[in-house]
Amino acid sequence: MPSPTRFQGPKGTRDFYPDEMALRRHIEAAWRSASVRSGFDEVDGPTFEHLGLYTVKSGPGIVSELFSFRRAGGEDDYALRPEFTPTLARMVAARAAALPVPVKWFAIPTFFRAERPQRGRLREFQQWNVDVLGLPGPEADTEVIATAALAMEALGLRSSDVRVKVSHRGAVTQALAALGVSGEQMPAALELLDKSARLDAAGFERLATEAGLPLESLRRFVEASRLSVPLVGAAAALAGRIGVPPGALAAMDELATHLADCGLSEWCEADLSIVRGLAYYTGTVFEIHEASGAERAIAGGGRYDRLVEMFGGPATPAVGLGMGDVVLGLVLQDRNLLPKDCSTLAPGPDVFILSAQGADSDRLAVQVAAQLRRAGKHVRRSYRATRNVGKLMSDASKARARSVLILGEEISAGRVNLKDLQSGTQESLPLADALARLSG
């Protein structure tokens, strides 16, 4: 007989044992609750799409970052989904005439990216997407950011723990133009700005010079963009530091007012270095970071007003965010917002049934468990061969049961013992009365 072959999970993926799964569901529950409370409907799409769906949005360079494939004997190329927004835009374009305005959708899919795994970035991950389509103004931008704040608050994070860094593509473009960046140079300037946080001074100077950009003006812009400036009043403050007319950043003022009305000013700050790519975003852009900056962005998003049109739909203003579970889990851990044993995040049973009198009580335990489960209760029972009530009671306590139903010596007389593990009280009563109480 050949020796067994041992396999490990693919690199960049995770196995979800009960404790990891409890943490995942804990995060997803916060996401889902925040979405529903904010009036979003849940949607989803296929795990894989036509490869062209992603190249239309991001260009052919995206292919190297995807798990793509062609079915044997087929002619179409497919890719495992790396994000949800293209699927969402395709879905909206397909039924645009029949959808309500605004469209408010959320999704919590699994995504795949063929990237080098590193801290905070895996090849398979869960991500929460929240999108509003059909509203052109900052009210929708604010609603997306406010929904993210609701979820983070539910997980224990506060404005002192995370920062929502807000920028605006239009405002940045106007400011760069005022600094002497021409229309032809604008894509290169935005790309340089997007990379600036990862570049040292020499690298920044080299790329700016190669692109023929006004180096000193861009340096001044980057220095100002990295300042921590409260969003309310940021337009005037940053315009003065950069040396551009105040009106160049005026697009940020209205968003700041809406965020203040929602009580989110303490969460937000201006950061003009955030542009989030080139062709995708059209207005407000933002990223959510852990306050110390020790981790990758927890979330990112912005306005993408032209994407639905790219997929054959009507002109549709849109704004959304994506928040992955990997970085968020690291931040919750670093902030001591998770228990040492994450399995305790899963709900404990309403009742734990102890069988302490042999075959007869074992059979009764099965019957009682089935009856209580039909009544909608979360029920677990003992499977161990031991009849030692103390040891079985320890199992019930470890499972975090609220009540323990003990099928012991009195079962021949139709009586059981019911113990409340929260109060510690225990009483003997007829089985029918115990079931009626537990079913209530």
Protein backbone atom coordinates (compact mmCIF):
# COMPACT_ATOMS: atom_id res chain seq x y z
CA MET A 1 0.00 0.00 0.00
CA PRO A 2 1.52 3.36 -0.99
CA SER A 3 2.23 5.84 1.78
CA PRO A 4 -0.42 8.55 2.17
CA THR A 5 0.19 11.90 0.50
CA ARG A 6 -0.07 14.99 2.67
CA PHE A 7 -1.35 18.20 1.13
CA GLN A 8 -1.20 21.76 2.37
CA GLY A 9 -3.60 24.50 1.46
CA PRO A 10 -2.58 26.59 -1.57
CA LYS A 11 -0.24 29.48 -0.79
CA GLY A 12 -2.10 32.66 0.04
CA THR A 13 -5.29 30.92 1.18
CA ARG A 14 -6.69 30.11 4.62
CA ASP A 15 -8.32 27.13 6.31
CA PHE A 16 -11.22 28.22 8.46
CA TYR A 17 -11.35 26.01 11.55
CA PRO A 18 -14.20 26.77 13.99
CA ASP A 19 -12.38 29.63 15.73
CA GLU A 20 -11.30 31.26 12.45
CA MET A 21 -14.78 30.77 11.05
CA ALA A 22 -16.30 32.37 14.13
CA LEU A 23 -14.10 35.45 13.59
CA ARG A 24 -15.03 35.59 9.92
CA ARG A 25 -18.75 35.43 10.74
CA HIS A 26 -18.26 38.04 13.47
CA ILE A 27 -16.82 40.48 10.94
CA GLU A 28 -19.41 39.60 8.30
CA ALA A 29 -22.23 40.10 10.82
CA ALA A 30 -21.02 43.65 11.52
CA TRP A 31 -20.82 44.33 7.78
CA ARG A 32 -24.27 42.91 7.08
CA SER A 33 -25.91 44.67 10.03
CA ALA A 34 -24.45 48.05 9.06
CA SER A 35 -25.60 47.54 5.46
CA VAL A 36 -29.15 46.57 6.37
CA ARG A 37 -29.49 49.38 8.92
CA SER A 38 -28.42 51.83 6.22
CA GLY A 39 -30.98 50.55 3.72
CA PHE A 40 -28.79 48.46 1.40
CA ASP A 41 -29.99 45.25 -0.28
CA GLU A 42 -27.67 42.23 -0.55
CA VAL A 43 -26.62 40.93 -3.96
CA ASP A 44 -23.99 38.61 -5.40
CA GLY A 45 -22.75 37.40 -8.75
CA PRO A 46 -20.74 34.51 -10.23
CA THR A 47 -17.40 33.50 -8.78
CA PHE A 48 -15.85 33.82 -12.25
CA GLU A 49 -16.54 36.21 -15.12
CA HIS A 50 -15.47 36.68 -18.72
CA LEU A 51 -11.89 37.93 -18.67
CA GLY A 52 -12.88 40.90 -20.82
CA LEU A 53 -15.02 42.28 -18.01
CA TYR A 54 -11.84 43.15 -16.12
CA THR A 55 -9.69 44.23 -19.07
CA VAL A 56 -12.40 46.69 -20.19
CA LYS A 57 -12.25 48.38 -16.79
CA SER A 58 -8.54 48.11 -15.98
CA GLY A 59 -6.71 47.40 -19.23
CA PRO A 60 -4.76 44.31 -20.35
CA GLY A 61 -2.18 44.71 -17.57
CA ILE A 62 -4.70 43.41 -15.05
CA VAL A 63 -4.43 39.89 -16.51
CA SER A 64 -1.14 39.21 -14.70
CA GLU A 65 -2.92 39.80 -11.38
CA LEU A 66 -5.78 37.38 -12.08
CA PHE A 67 -6.39 33.66 -11.91
CA SER A 68 -7.56 33.26 -15.49
CA PHE A 69 -8.40 30.11 -17.44
CA ARG A 70 -10.01 28.72 -20.57
CA ARG A 71 -12.38 25.77 -20.35
CA ALA A 72 -11.06 22.68 -22.13
CA GLY A 73 -12.41 22.74 -25.66
CA GLY A 74 -13.86 26.21 -25.16
CA GLU A 75 -13.09 29.49 -26.85
CA ASP A 76 -13.83 32.01 -24.08
CA ASP A 77 -11.35 33.18 -21.46
CA TYR A 78 -12.54 33.51 -17.87
CA ALA A 79 -11.11 34.82 -14.61
CA LEU A 80 -11.89 34.24 -10.96
CA ARG A 81 -13.28 37.54 -9.69
CA PRO A 82 -10.66 39.85 -8.14
CA GLU A 83 -13.26 42.46 -7.13
CA PHE A 84 -17.00 43.07 -7.31
CA THR A 85 -17.46 46.47 -8.95
CA PRO A 86 -17.26 45.23 -12.58
CA THR A 87 -19.86 42.56 -11.81
CA LEU A 88 -22.07 45.16 -10.15
CA ALA A 89 -21.74 47.52 -13.12
CA ARG A 90 -22.61 44.68 -15.50
CA MET A 91 -25.67 43.75 -13.42
CA VAL A 92 -26.89 47.36 -13.26
CA ALA A 93 -26.35 47.88 -16.99
CA ALA A 94 -28.41 44.75 -17.74
CA ARG A 95 -31.49 45.95 -15.85
CA ALA A 96 -30.96 49.69 -15.59
CA ALA A 97 -34.46 50.62 -16.78
CA ALA A 98 -36.16 48.44 -14.17
CA LEU A 99 -34.05 49.29 -11.13
CA PRO A 100 -35.08 51.84 -8.48
CA VAL A 101 -33.14 55.06 -8.08
CA PRO A 102 -30.96 55.09 -6.15
CA VAL A 103 -29.66 51.53 -6.32
CA LYS A 104 -28.24 50.65 -2.89
CA TRP A 105 -26.52 47.28 -2.92
CA PHE A 106 -24.02 45.46 -0.75
CA ALA A 107 -22.20 42.16 -1.15
CA ILE A 108 -19.78 40.03 0.87
CA PRO A 109 -18.16 37.78 -1.75
CA THR A 110 -14.94 35.79 -1.86
CA PHE A 111 -12.31 37.19 -4.24
CA PHE A 112 -9.11 35.89 -5.82
CA ARG A 113 -5.93 37.68 -6.88
CA ALA A 114 -2.79 36.06 -8.28
CA GLU A 115 -0.45 38.26 -6.28
CA ARG A 116 2.50 37.54 -4.02
CA PRO A 117 1.03 36.85 -0.56
CA GLN A 118 2.22 39.16 2.20
CA ARG A 119 0.96 40.59 5.47
CA GLY A 120 -2.50 41.98 4.90
CA ARG A 121 -2.77 40.61 1.34
CA LEU A 122 -3.76 37.08 0.37
CA ARG A 123 -4.72 35.35 -2.85
CA GLU A 124 -8.18 34.50 -1.54
CA PHE A 125 -10.11 36.81 0.76
CA GLN A 126 -13.54 38.09 1.74
CA GLN A 127 -14.49 41.68 0.98
CA TRP A 128 -17.48 43.82 1.84
CA ASN A 129 -18.73 46.01 -0.98
CA VAL A 130 -21.20 48.89 -0.46
CA ASP A 131 -22.40 50.88 -3.46
CA VAL A 132 -24.90 53.64 -4.21
CA LEU A 133 -25.80 54.23 -7.86
CA GLY A 134 -28.00 56.99 -9.28
CA LEU A 135 -27.14 59.85 -6.91
CA PRO A 136 -24.58 62.37 -8.21
CA GLY A 137 -23.85 64.45 -5.11
CA PRO A 138 -21.84 64.10 -1.91
CA GLU A 139 -24.89 62.78 -0.03
CA ALA A 140 -24.24 59.33 -1.54
CA ASP A 141 -20.49 59.55 -0.85
CA THR A 142 -21.30 60.36 2.77
CA GLU A 143 -23.75 57.48 3.10
CA VAL A 144 -21.14 54.97 1.95
CA ILE A 145 -18.54 56.30 4.41
CA ALA A 146 -21.12 56.45 7.22
CA THR A 147 -22.06 52.81 6.63
CA ALA A 148 -18.41 51.81 6.92
CA ALA A 149 -18.17 53.74 10.21
CA LEU A 150 -21.23 51.89 11.55
CA ALA A 151 -19.55 48.53 10.90
CA MET A 152 -16.26 49.60 12.44
CA GLU A 153 -18.06 50.89 15.54
CA ALA A 154 -19.88 47.57 15.86
CA LEU A 155 -16.48 45.84 15.88
CA GLY A 156 -15.19 48.15 18.63
CA LEU A 157 -13.15 50.58 16.51
CA ARG A 158 -13.47 54.30 17.18
CA SER A 159 -12.38 57.48 15.43
CA SER A 160 -9.17 57.42 17.49
CA ASP A 161 -8.34 53.98 16.05
CA VAL A 162 -8.88 54.61 12.34
CA ARG A 163 -8.74 57.54 9.96
CA VAL A 164 -10.88 58.05 6.87
CA LYS A 165 -8.51 59.82 4.48
CA VAL A 166 -10.55 61.77 1.95
CA SER A 167 -9.54 63.33 -1.35
CA HIS A 168 -11.25 64.35 -4.59
CA ARG A 169 -9.96 63.56 -8.09
CA GLY A 170 -11.47 66.71 -9.56
CA ALA A 171 -10.04 68.93 -6.84
CA VAL A 172 -6.60 67.34 -7.15
CA THR A 173 -6.66 67.76 -10.93
CA GLN A 174 -7.61 71.43 -10.63
CA ALA A 175 -4.87 72.03 -8.07
CA LEU A 176 -2.24 70.32 -10.22
CA ALA A 177 -3.35 72.34 -13.23
CA ALA A 178 -2.96 75.53 -11.18
CA LEU A 179 0.59 74.40 -10.36
CA GLY A 180 1.50 74.15 -14.03
CA VAL A 181 0.70 70.54 -14.88
CA SER A 182 -0.69 70.42 -18.43
CA GLY A 183 -3.56 68.23 -19.56
CA GLU A 184 -1.16 65.91 -21.35
CA GLN A 185 0.98 65.61 -18.22
CA MET A 186 -1.96 65.02 -15.86
CA PRO A 187 -2.05 61.18 -16.09
CA ALA A 188 1.67 61.00 -15.28
CA ALA A 189 1.27 63.46 -12.40
CA LEU A 190 -1.63 61.49 -10.92
CA GLU A 191 0.29 58.24 -11.26
CA LEU A 192 3.29 59.78 -9.51
CA LEU A 193 1.06 61.12 -6.76
CA ASP A 194 -0.48 57.66 -6.31
CA LYS A 195 3.03 56.18 -5.85
CA SER A 196 4.46 59.00 -3.74
CA ALA A 197 3.97 57.31 -0.36
CA ARG A 198 6.15 54.40 -1.53
CA LEU A 199 8.94 56.52 -3.02
CA ASP A 200 11.97 58.10 -1.41
CA ALA A 201 13.01 61.63 -2.41
CA ALA A 202 15.41 60.43 -5.10
CA GLY A 203 12.86 58.13 -6.67
CA PHE A 204 10.22 60.84 -6.66
CA GLU A 205 12.60 63.32 -8.31
CA ARG A 206 13.68 60.82 -10.95
CA LEU A 207 10.12 59.93 -12.01
CA ALA A 208 8.99 63.57 -12.02
CA THR A 209 11.97 64.59 -14.13
CA GLU A 210 11.48 61.72 -16.58
CA ALA A 211 7.84 62.78 -17.06
CA GLY A 212 8.80 66.43 -17.50
CA LEU A 213 6.69 67.49 -14.53
CA PRO A 214 7.19 70.69 -12.47
CA LEU A 215 9.24 69.13 -9.68
CA GLU A 216 9.14 71.89 -7.05
CA SER A 217 5.39 72.42 -7.42
CA LEU A 218 4.76 68.68 -7.07
CA ARG A 219 7.02 68.48 -4.03
CA ARG A 220 5.04 71.27 -2.41
CA PHE A 221 1.80 69.51 -3.28
CA VAL A 222 2.95 66.19 -1.80
CA GLU A 223 4.25 67.83 1.39
CA ALA A 224 0.90 69.55 1.88
CA SER A 225 -1.09 66.44 1.04
CA ARG A 226 0.65 64.45 3.77
CA LEU A 227 -0.37 66.85 6.53
CA SER A 228 -3.12 65.71 8.86
CA VAL A 229 -5.74 68.35 8.16
CA PRO A 230 -9.34 68.14 9.47
CA LEU A 231 -11.70 67.77 6.54
CA VAL A 232 -13.84 70.74 7.59
CA GLY A 233 -11.91 73.79 6.37
CA ALA A 234 -9.32 71.65 4.58
CA ALA A 235 -9.91 73.22 1.16
CA ALA A 236 -8.85 76.69 2.24
CA ALA A 237 -6.03 75.46 4.49
CA LEU A 238 -4.48 73.19 1.85
CA ALA A 239 -4.92 75.68 -0.99
CA GLY A 240 -2.85 78.19 0.97
CA ARG A 241 -0.11 75.68 1.71
CA ILE A 242 0.06 74.42 -1.87
CA GLY A 243 -0.11 77.89 -3.34
CA VAL A 244 -3.23 77.52 -5.51
CA PRO A 245 -6.51 79.50 -5.57
CA PRO A 246 -8.97 78.37 -2.83
CA GLY A 247 -11.53 77.48 -5.48
CA ALA A 248 -9.27 74.71 -6.80
CA LEU A 249 -10.20 72.51 -3.83
CA ALA A 250 -13.76 73.73 -3.32
CA ALA A 251 -15.23 70.35 -4.32
CA MET A 252 -14.15 69.01 -0.91
CA ASP A 253 -16.13 71.56 1.11
CA GLU A 254 -19.60 70.21 0.36
CA LEU A 255 -18.57 66.65 1.24
CA ALA A 256 -17.04 67.91 4.50
CA THR A 257 -20.37 69.55 5.40
CA HIS A 258 -22.34 66.36 4.76
CA LEU A 259 -19.90 64.24 6.78
CA ALA A 260 -20.11 66.75 9.65
CA ASP A 261 -23.91 66.51 9.56
CA CYS A 262 -23.58 62.74 10.07
CA GLY A 263 -21.25 63.22 13.05
CA LEU A 264 -18.25 61.87 11.13
CA SER A 265 -15.88 64.84 11.24
CA GLU A 266 -13.73 63.21 13.92
CA TRP A 267 -13.25 60.16 11.68
CA CYS A 268 -12.15 62.08 8.59
CA GLU A 269 -9.16 64.05 7.42
CA ALA A 270 -8.03 65.42 4.07
CA ASP A 271 -5.26 63.59 2.22
CA LEU A 272 -4.74 64.81 -1.34
CA SER A 273 -2.15 62.10 -2.06
CA ILE A 274 -4.99 59.61 -2.45
CA VAL A 275 -6.08 59.31 -6.07
CA ARG A 276 -6.67 55.51 -6.27
CA GLY A 277 -5.62 54.74 -9.80
CA LEU A 278 -6.10 56.57 -13.05
CA ALA A 279 -9.10 55.65 -15.21
CA TYR A 280 -11.52 54.31 -12.63
CA TYR A 281 -12.44 57.02 -10.13
CA THR A 282 -14.02 60.33 -11.14
CA GLY A 283 -14.66 62.38 -7.98
CA THR A 284 -14.46 61.71 -4.25
CA VAL A 285 -11.87 59.07 -3.31
CA PHE A 286 -11.00 57.82 0.15
CA GLU A 287 -9.11 55.18 2.10
CA ILE A 288 -9.59 53.98 5.67
CA HIS A 289 -6.36 53.37 7.59
CA GLU A 290 -5.43 52.23 11.07
CA ALA A 291 -4.46 55.44 12.89
CA SER A 292 -0.77 54.58 13.39
CA GLY A 293 -0.32 53.70 9.72
CA ALA A 294 1.15 50.32 10.62
CA GLU A 295 -1.10 48.34 8.28
CA ARG A 296 -2.30 48.52 4.71
CA ALA A 297 -5.55 50.34 4.04
CA ILE A 298 -8.53 48.70 5.75
CA ALA A 299 -10.84 49.93 3.00
CA GLY A 300 -10.89 52.11 -0.06
CA GLY A 301 -13.38 53.52 -2.49
CA GLY A 302 -14.74 56.50 -4.28
CA ARG A 303 -16.92 57.76 -7.07
CA TYR A 304 -16.93 55.95 -10.44
CA ASP A 305 -19.51 57.81 -12.52
CA ARG A 306 -18.65 56.37 -15.93
CA LEU A 307 -18.27 52.64 -15.30
CA VAL A 308 -21.86 51.51 -15.98
CA GLU A 309 -21.66 53.24 -19.39
CA MET A 310 -18.55 51.21 -20.19
CA PHE A 311 -20.67 48.07 -19.88
CA GLY A 312 -23.45 49.28 -22.15
CA GLY A 313 -25.70 50.92 -19.57
CA PRO A 314 -26.94 54.49 -19.29
CA ALA A 315 -24.96 57.30 -17.69
CA THR A 316 -25.09 56.41 -14.00
CA PRO A 317 -23.40 58.25 -11.15
CA ALA A 318 -21.99 55.76 -8.65
CA VAL A 319 -19.92 55.57 -5.50
CA GLY A 320 -18.77 52.60 -3.46
CA LEU A 321 -16.22 51.05 -1.13
CA GLY A 322 -14.49 47.73 -0.59
CA MET A 323 -13.34 46.55 2.85
CA GLY A 324 -11.37 43.31 3.09
CA ASP A 325 -11.40 40.99 6.08
CA VAL A 326 -7.63 40.34 6.18
CA VAL A 327 -6.33 43.77 7.20
CA LEU A 328 -9.43 44.43 9.30
CA GLY A 329 -8.79 41.24 11.28
CA LEU A 330 -5.17 42.29 11.90
CA VAL A 331 -6.29 45.72 13.14
CA LEU A 332 -8.87 44.20 15.49
CA GLN A 333 -6.20 41.87 16.85
CA ASP A 334 -3.64 44.64 17.28
CA ARG A 335 -6.21 46.79 19.10
CA ASN A 336 -7.09 43.91 21.48
CA LEU A 337 -10.66 43.86 20.22
CA LEU A 338 -10.76 40.08 19.82
CA PRO A 339 -10.90 37.39 22.50
CA LYS A 340 -7.96 35.00 22.89
CA ASP A 341 -10.26 32.19 21.78
CA CYS A 342 -12.26 33.45 18.80
CA SER A 343 -14.56 30.44 18.96
CA THR A 344 -16.29 32.32 21.78
CA LEU A 345 -17.56 34.76 19.12
CA ALA A 346 -19.90 32.01 17.88
CA PRO A 347 -23.27 31.74 19.65
CA GLY A 348 -23.44 29.29 22.55
CA PRO A 349 -26.25 26.72 22.75
CA ASP A 350 -29.57 27.51 24.41
CA VAL A 351 -29.44 24.12 26.09
CA PHE A 352 -26.94 21.30 26.58
CA ILE A 353 -28.42 17.86 27.22
CA LEU A 354 -26.53 15.50 29.54
CA SER A 355 -27.27 11.79 29.28
CA ALA A 356 -26.19 10.15 32.56
CA GLN A 357 -28.23 6.92 32.77
CA GLY A 358 -27.14 4.66 29.93
CA ALA A 359 -28.94 3.60 26.75
CA ASP A 360 -32.41 4.73 27.81
CA SER A 361 -31.33 8.27 28.59
CA ASP A 362 -29.18 8.34 25.43
CA ARG A 363 -32.25 7.58 23.32
CA LEU A 364 -34.31 10.14 25.23
CA ALA A 365 -31.57 12.73 24.70
CA VAL A 366 -31.86 12.25 20.94
CA GLN A 367 -35.65 12.66 21.08
CA VAL A 368 -35.53 15.72 23.32
CA ALA A 369 -32.82 17.36 21.21
CA ALA A 370 -34.90 16.88 18.07
CA GLN A 371 -37.99 18.36 19.74
CA LEU A 372 -36.16 21.44 21.00
CA ARG A 373 -34.43 21.99 17.67
CA ARG A 374 -37.80 21.93 15.91
CA ALA A 375 -38.84 24.60 18.41
CA GLY A 376 -36.01 26.78 17.08
CA LYS A 377 -33.47 26.22 19.84
CA HIS A 378 -29.73 25.75 19.53
CA VAL A 379 -29.15 22.38 21.20
CA ARG A 380 -26.07 20.31 21.87
CA ARG A 381 -25.78 17.08 23.81
CA SER A 382 -23.17 14.83 25.36
CA TYR A 383 -21.64 12.05 23.26
CA ARG A 384 -19.03 10.82 25.73
CA ALA A 385 -19.29 7.35 27.21
CA THR A 386 -18.74 8.61 30.75
CA ARG A 387 -21.78 9.05 33.00
CA ASN A 388 -19.91 11.33 35.38
CA VAL A 389 -22.19 14.37 35.61
CA GLY A 390 -19.36 16.59 36.75
CA LYS A 391 -17.28 15.88 33.65
CA LEU A 392 -20.30 16.27 31.38
CA MET A 393 -21.19 19.54 33.08
CA SER A 394 -17.69 20.75 32.22
CA ASP A 395 -18.45 20.04 28.56
CA ALA A 396 -21.60 22.13 28.80
CA SER A 397 -19.72 24.99 30.40
CA LYS A 398 -16.99 24.92 27.73
CA ALA A 399 -19.71 25.06 25.07
CA ARG A 400 -21.06 28.22 26.82
CA ALA A 401 -24.56 26.79 27.15
CA ARG A 402 -27.16 28.87 28.94
CA SER A 403 -29.03 25.88 30.38
CA VAL A 404 -28.22 22.24 31.04
CA LEU A 405 -30.89 19.51 30.92
CA ILE A 406 -29.70 16.54 33.00
CA LEU A 407 -31.24 13.16 32.20
CA GLY A 408 -30.22 11.36 35.40
CA GLU A 409 -31.52 8.96 37.99
CA GLU A 410 -34.99 10.55 38.15
CA ILE A 411 -35.70 9.96 34.49
CA SER A 412 -37.50 6.67 35.25
CA ALA A 413 -40.05 8.78 37.15
CA GLY A 414 -40.35 11.25 34.30
CA ARG A 415 -38.34 13.95 36.03
CA VAL A 416 -35.16 15.78 35.02
CA ASN A 417 -32.84 18.37 36.47
CA LEU A 418 -32.61 21.77 34.78
CA LYS A 419 -29.64 23.97 35.61
CA ASP A 420 -29.21 27.63 34.67
CA LEU A 421 -25.48 28.10 34.10
CA GLN A 422 -25.76 31.88 34.34
CA SER A 423 -27.35 31.99 37.78
CA GLY A 424 -26.10 28.58 38.97
CA THR A 425 -29.58 27.53 40.14
CA GLN A 426 -30.80 23.97 39.57
CA GLU A 427 -34.21 22.39 40.06
CA SER A 428 -35.92 19.05 39.61
CA LEU A 429 -39.13 19.10 37.56
CA PRO A 430 -41.21 16.94 35.21
CA LEU A 431 -39.70 16.51 31.75
CA ALA A 432 -42.79 18.02 30.09
CA ASP A 433 -42.46 21.18 32.22
CA ALA A 434 -38.74 21.47 31.45
CA LEU A 435 -39.39 21.16 27.72
CA ALA A 436 -42.16 23.75 27.86
CA ARG A 437 -39.85 26.19 29.65
CA LEU A 438 -36.92 25.59 27.30
CA SER A 439 -39.14 25.89 24.21
CA GLY A 440 -40.52 29.27 25.31
